[in-house]
Amino acid sequence: MLTRTKINIFLTIIIIIFSILNIVWNNELRLLFKEHRETQTVNQRLLSINKQLLTEYSKKISGGEIQRKAVTELGMKLPLKTKKIELL
């Protein structure tokens, strides 16, 4: 039969093992959170650079350039008649 001392030693060892595992787990979570934060920062920088490049590109393309591409590449025709809409 197990004595009270053996049971206490067994429980103490289990508590120590769980404490060590808890410390390791918390450290891994901390490192994962730090990596996630750094990745999120890099992603935000890339998104802002992408938006900046898109705005610069849209500024470079004028309405005439869009119209020329529509006529030559897409085969669209220029409107012959336009209606003027008046607001009340």
N, C-alpha and C. Protein backbone atom coordinates (compact mmCIF):
# COMPACT_ATOMS: atom_id res chain seq x y z
N MET A 1 0.82 -1.19 0.00
CA MET A 1 0.00 0.00 0.00
C MET A 1 0.86 1.25 0.00
N LEU A 2 0.29 2.25 -0.61
CA LEU A 2 1.01 3.52 -0.64
C LEU A 2 0.83 4.24 0.68
N THR A 3 1.88 4.77 1.13
CA THR A 3 1.78 5.53 2.37
C THR A 3 1.50 6.98 2.06
N ARG A 4 1.18 7.69 3.08
CA ARG A 4 0.87 9.11 2.93
C ARG A 4 2.07 9.89 2.38
N THR A 5 3.25 9.53 2.78
CA THR A 5 4.45 10.22 2.32
C THR A 5 4.68 9.99 0.82
N LYS A 6 4.48 8.77 0.38
CA LYS A 6 4.67 8.46 -1.04
C LYS A 6 3.65 9.22 -1.90
N ILE A 7 2.42 9.31 -1.41
CA ILE A 7 1.39 10.04 -2.14
C ILE A 7 1.73 11.53 -2.21
N ASN A 8 2.21 12.08 -1.11
CA ASN A 8 2.61 13.50 -1.09
C ASN A 8 3.78 13.76 -2.04
N ILE A 9 4.75 12.85 -2.07
CA ILE A 9 5.89 13.02 -2.97
C ILE A 9 5.42 12.94 -4.42
N PHE A 10 4.55 11.99 -4.71
CA PHE A 10 4.01 11.84 -6.07
C PHE A 10 3.25 13.10 -6.50
N LEU A 11 2.40 13.62 -5.62
CA LEU A 11 1.65 14.84 -5.94
C LEU A 11 2.56 16.05 -6.11
N THR A 12 3.60 16.13 -5.30
CA THR A 12 4.56 17.23 -5.42
C THR A 12 5.28 17.18 -6.76
N ILE A 13 5.68 16.00 -7.16
CA ILE A 13 6.36 15.85 -8.46
C ILE A 13 5.42 16.24 -9.60
N ILE A 14 4.17 15.83 -9.52
CA ILE A 14 3.20 16.19 -10.56
C ILE A 14 2.99 17.70 -10.60
N ILE A 15 2.90 18.34 -9.45
CA ILE A 15 2.74 19.80 -9.41
C ILE A 15 3.96 20.49 -10.00
N ILE A 16 5.14 20.01 -9.72
CA ILE A 16 6.36 20.61 -10.27
C ILE A 16 6.39 20.44 -11.79
N ILE A 17 6.02 19.27 -12.28
CA ILE A 17 6.01 19.03 -13.73
C ILE A 17 5.00 19.96 -14.41
N PHE A 18 3.80 20.08 -13.85
CA PHE A 18 2.80 20.98 -14.43
C PHE A 18 3.24 22.44 -14.37
N SER A 19 3.94 22.82 -13.34
CA SER A 19 4.44 24.20 -13.23
C SER A 19 5.48 24.48 -14.31
N ILE A 20 6.37 23.53 -14.53
CA ILE A 20 7.39 23.71 -15.57
C ILE A 20 6.72 23.78 -16.95
N LEU A 21 5.76 22.91 -17.19
CA LEU A 21 5.05 22.94 -18.48
C LEU A 21 4.29 24.26 -18.66
N ASN A 22 3.72 24.76 -17.58
CA ASN A 22 3.02 26.04 -17.65
C ASN A 22 3.97 27.19 -17.99
N ILE A 23 5.15 27.18 -17.40
CA ILE A 23 6.14 28.22 -17.69
C ILE A 23 6.57 28.15 -19.15
N VAL A 24 6.82 26.95 -19.64
CA VAL A 24 7.22 26.77 -21.04
C VAL A 24 6.11 27.23 -21.97
N TRP A 25 4.88 26.85 -21.66
CA TRP A 25 3.74 27.22 -22.49
C TRP A 25 3.55 28.73 -22.55
N ASN A 26 3.65 29.41 -21.39
CA ASN A 26 3.52 30.87 -21.36
C ASN A 26 4.64 31.55 -22.14
N ASN A 27 5.84 30.99 -22.08
CA ASN A 27 6.95 31.57 -22.84
C ASN A 27 6.71 31.42 -24.34
N GLU A 28 6.21 30.27 -24.76
CA GLU A 28 5.90 30.06 -26.18
C GLU A 28 4.80 31.02 -26.64
N LEU A 29 3.80 31.23 -25.81
CA LEU A 29 2.74 32.18 -26.17
C LEU A 29 3.27 33.60 -26.30
N ARG A 30 4.17 33.97 -25.41
CA ARG A 30 4.77 35.30 -25.47
C ARG A 30 5.56 35.48 -26.76
N LEU A 31 6.35 34.47 -27.11
CA LEU A 31 7.14 34.55 -28.34
C LEU A 31 6.24 34.57 -29.58
N LEU A 32 5.17 33.78 -29.54
CA LEU A 32 4.23 33.76 -30.67
C LEU A 32 3.53 35.11 -30.81
N PHE A 33 3.14 35.71 -29.71
CA PHE A 33 2.50 37.02 -29.76
C PHE A 33 3.45 38.08 -30.31
N LYS A 34 4.71 38.02 -29.89
CA LYS A 34 5.71 38.97 -30.39
C LYS A 34 5.90 38.81 -31.90
N GLU A 35 5.98 37.57 -32.37
CA GLU A 35 6.13 37.31 -33.81
C GLU A 35 4.89 37.78 -34.57
N HIS A 36 3.72 37.56 -34.01
CA HIS A 36 2.48 38.00 -34.65
C HIS A 36 2.45 39.53 -34.76
N ARG A 37 2.86 40.22 -33.72
CA ARG A 37 2.87 41.68 -33.74
C ARG A 37 3.84 42.21 -34.79
N GLU A 38 5.02 41.60 -34.90
CA GLU A 38 6.00 42.03 -35.91
C GLU A 38 5.48 41.76 -37.32
N THR A 39 4.86 40.61 -37.52
CA THR A 39 4.31 40.28 -38.83
C THR A 39 3.18 41.24 -39.20
N GLN A 40 2.36 41.59 -38.23
CA GLN A 40 1.26 42.52 -38.48
C GLN A 40 1.80 43.90 -38.86
N THR A 41 2.89 44.33 -38.22
CA THR A 41 3.50 45.61 -38.55
C THR A 41 4.03 45.62 -39.98
N VAL A 42 4.71 44.54 -40.36
CA VAL A 42 5.23 44.44 -41.72
C VAL A 42 4.08 44.43 -42.73
N ASN A 43 3.02 43.71 -42.41
CA ASN A 43 1.86 43.65 -43.30
C ASN A 43 1.23 45.02 -43.47
N GLN A 44 1.11 45.79 -42.40
CA GLN A 44 0.55 47.14 -42.50
C GLN A 44 1.43 48.04 -43.34
N ARG A 45 2.75 47.89 -43.21
CA ARG A 45 3.66 48.69 -44.05
C ARG A 45 3.47 48.34 -45.52
N LEU A 46 3.37 47.04 -45.82
CA LEU A 46 3.18 46.63 -47.21
C LEU A 46 1.86 47.13 -47.77
N LEU A 47 0.81 47.09 -46.97
CA LEU A 47 -0.48 47.60 -47.43
C LEU A 47 -0.42 49.09 -47.70
N SER A 48 0.26 49.84 -46.83
CA SER A 48 0.33 51.28 -47.05
C SER A 48 1.16 51.61 -48.29
N ILE A 49 2.24 50.86 -48.52
CA ILE A 49 3.04 51.09 -49.74
C ILE A 49 2.21 50.74 -50.98
N ASN A 50 1.44 49.66 -50.90
CA ASN A 50 0.59 49.27 -52.03
C ASN A 50 -0.44 50.34 -52.32
N LYS A 51 -1.08 50.88 -51.29
CA LYS A 51 -2.06 51.96 -51.50
C LYS A 51 -1.40 53.19 -52.09
N GLN A 52 -0.21 53.52 -51.61
CA GLN A 52 0.50 54.68 -52.14
C GLN A 52 0.82 54.48 -53.62
N LEU A 53 1.29 53.28 -53.98
CA LEU A 53 1.60 53.01 -55.38
C LEU A 53 0.35 53.05 -56.25
N LEU A 54 -0.76 52.55 -55.74
CA LEU A 54 -2.01 52.59 -56.50
C LEU A 54 -2.48 54.02 -56.73
N THR A 55 -2.36 54.88 -55.71
CA THR A 55 -2.78 56.27 -55.90
C THR A 55 -1.86 56.99 -56.87
N GLU A 56 -0.56 56.72 -56.80
CA GLU A 56 0.35 57.33 -57.76
C GLU A 56 0.05 56.86 -59.18
N TYR A 57 -0.26 55.57 -59.33
CA TYR A 57 -0.56 55.04 -60.66
C TYR A 57 -1.86 55.64 -61.19
N SER A 58 -2.86 55.78 -60.33
CA SER A 58 -4.12 56.34 -60.80
C SER A 58 -3.97 57.82 -61.14
N LYS A 59 -3.05 58.52 -60.47
CA LYS A 59 -2.81 59.92 -60.83
C LYS A 59 -2.12 60.02 -62.18
N LYS A 60 -1.26 59.03 -62.49
CA LYS A 60 -0.54 59.08 -63.76
C LYS A 60 -1.46 58.81 -64.95
N ILE A 61 -2.41 57.91 -64.74
CA ILE A 61 -3.32 57.60 -65.84
C ILE A 61 -4.39 58.69 -65.88
N SER A 62 -4.46 59.37 -66.97
CA SER A 62 -5.46 60.43 -67.11
C SER A 62 -6.70 59.85 -67.78
N GLY A 63 -7.72 60.66 -67.88
CA GLY A 63 -8.95 60.23 -68.55
C GLY A 63 -8.72 59.91 -70.02
N GLY A 64 -7.85 60.67 -70.65
CA GLY A 64 -7.55 60.44 -72.06
C GLY A 64 -6.86 59.10 -72.27
N GLU A 65 -5.99 58.73 -71.34
CA GLU A 65 -5.31 57.43 -71.44
C GLU A 65 -6.30 56.29 -71.29
N ILE A 66 -7.24 56.43 -70.39
CA ILE A 66 -8.27 55.41 -70.21
C ILE A 66 -9.13 55.32 -71.46
N GLN A 67 -9.48 56.47 -72.03
CA GLN A 67 -10.30 56.48 -73.23
C GLN A 67 -9.55 55.84 -74.39
N ARG A 68 -8.27 56.13 -74.54
CA ARG A 68 -7.47 55.54 -75.62
C ARG A 68 -7.40 54.02 -75.47
N LYS A 69 -7.18 53.53 -74.25
CA LYS A 69 -7.14 52.09 -74.03
C LYS A 69 -8.48 51.43 -74.33
N ALA A 70 -9.57 52.12 -73.97
CA ALA A 70 -10.90 51.56 -74.21
C ALA A 70 -11.15 51.44 -75.71
N VAL A 71 -10.72 52.44 -76.48
CA VAL A 71 -10.96 52.41 -77.92
C VAL A 71 -10.04 51.40 -78.60
N THR A 72 -8.76 51.41 -78.28
CA THR A 72 -7.81 50.54 -79.00
C THR A 72 -7.84 49.10 -78.52
N GLU A 73 -7.79 48.87 -77.22
CA GLU A 73 -7.66 47.50 -76.71
C GLU A 73 -9.00 46.80 -76.58
N LEU A 74 -10.02 47.52 -76.14
CA LEU A 74 -11.31 46.89 -75.92
C LEU A 74 -12.26 47.03 -77.09
N GLY A 75 -11.92 47.88 -78.03
CA GLY A 75 -12.75 48.05 -79.22
C GLY A 75 -14.04 48.80 -78.94
N MET A 76 -14.04 49.62 -77.94
CA MET A 76 -15.24 50.40 -77.64
C MET A 76 -15.30 51.60 -78.57
N LYS A 77 -16.50 52.10 -78.76
CA LYS A 77 -16.68 53.25 -79.64
C LYS A 77 -17.01 54.47 -78.80
N LEU A 78 -16.62 55.61 -79.33
CA LEU A 78 -16.94 56.86 -78.65
C LEU A 78 -18.42 57.16 -78.82
N PRO A 79 -19.06 57.76 -77.85
CA PRO A 79 -20.49 58.06 -77.98
C PRO A 79 -20.71 59.14 -79.04
N LEU A 80 -21.76 58.93 -79.84
CA LEU A 80 -22.08 59.90 -80.88
C LEU A 80 -22.95 61.02 -80.32
N LYS A 81 -23.86 60.66 -79.44
CA LYS A 81 -24.75 61.65 -78.85
C LYS A 81 -24.65 61.53 -77.33
N THR A 82 -24.71 62.66 -76.71
CA THR A 82 -24.75 62.66 -75.25
C THR A 82 -25.95 63.47 -74.80
N LYS A 83 -26.60 62.99 -73.76
CA LYS A 83 -27.73 63.72 -73.21
C LYS A 83 -27.29 64.46 -71.97
N LYS A 84 -27.75 65.66 -71.86
CA LYS A 84 -27.43 66.44 -70.68
C LYS A 84 -28.57 66.28 -69.66
N ILE A 85 -28.23 65.88 -68.49
CA ILE A 85 -29.23 65.67 -67.45
C ILE A 85 -29.24 66.90 -66.57
N GLU A 86 -30.44 67.45 -66.42
CA GLU A 86 -30.57 68.64 -65.58
C GLU A 86 -31.15 68.25 -64.24
N LEU A 87 -30.59 68.81 -63.21
CA LEU A 87 -31.10 68.55 -61.85
C LEU A 87 -32.15 69.59 -61.51
N LEU A 88 -33.17 69.18 -60.82
CA LEU A 88 -34.24 70.09 -60.43
C LEU A 88 -33.89 70.86 -59.20
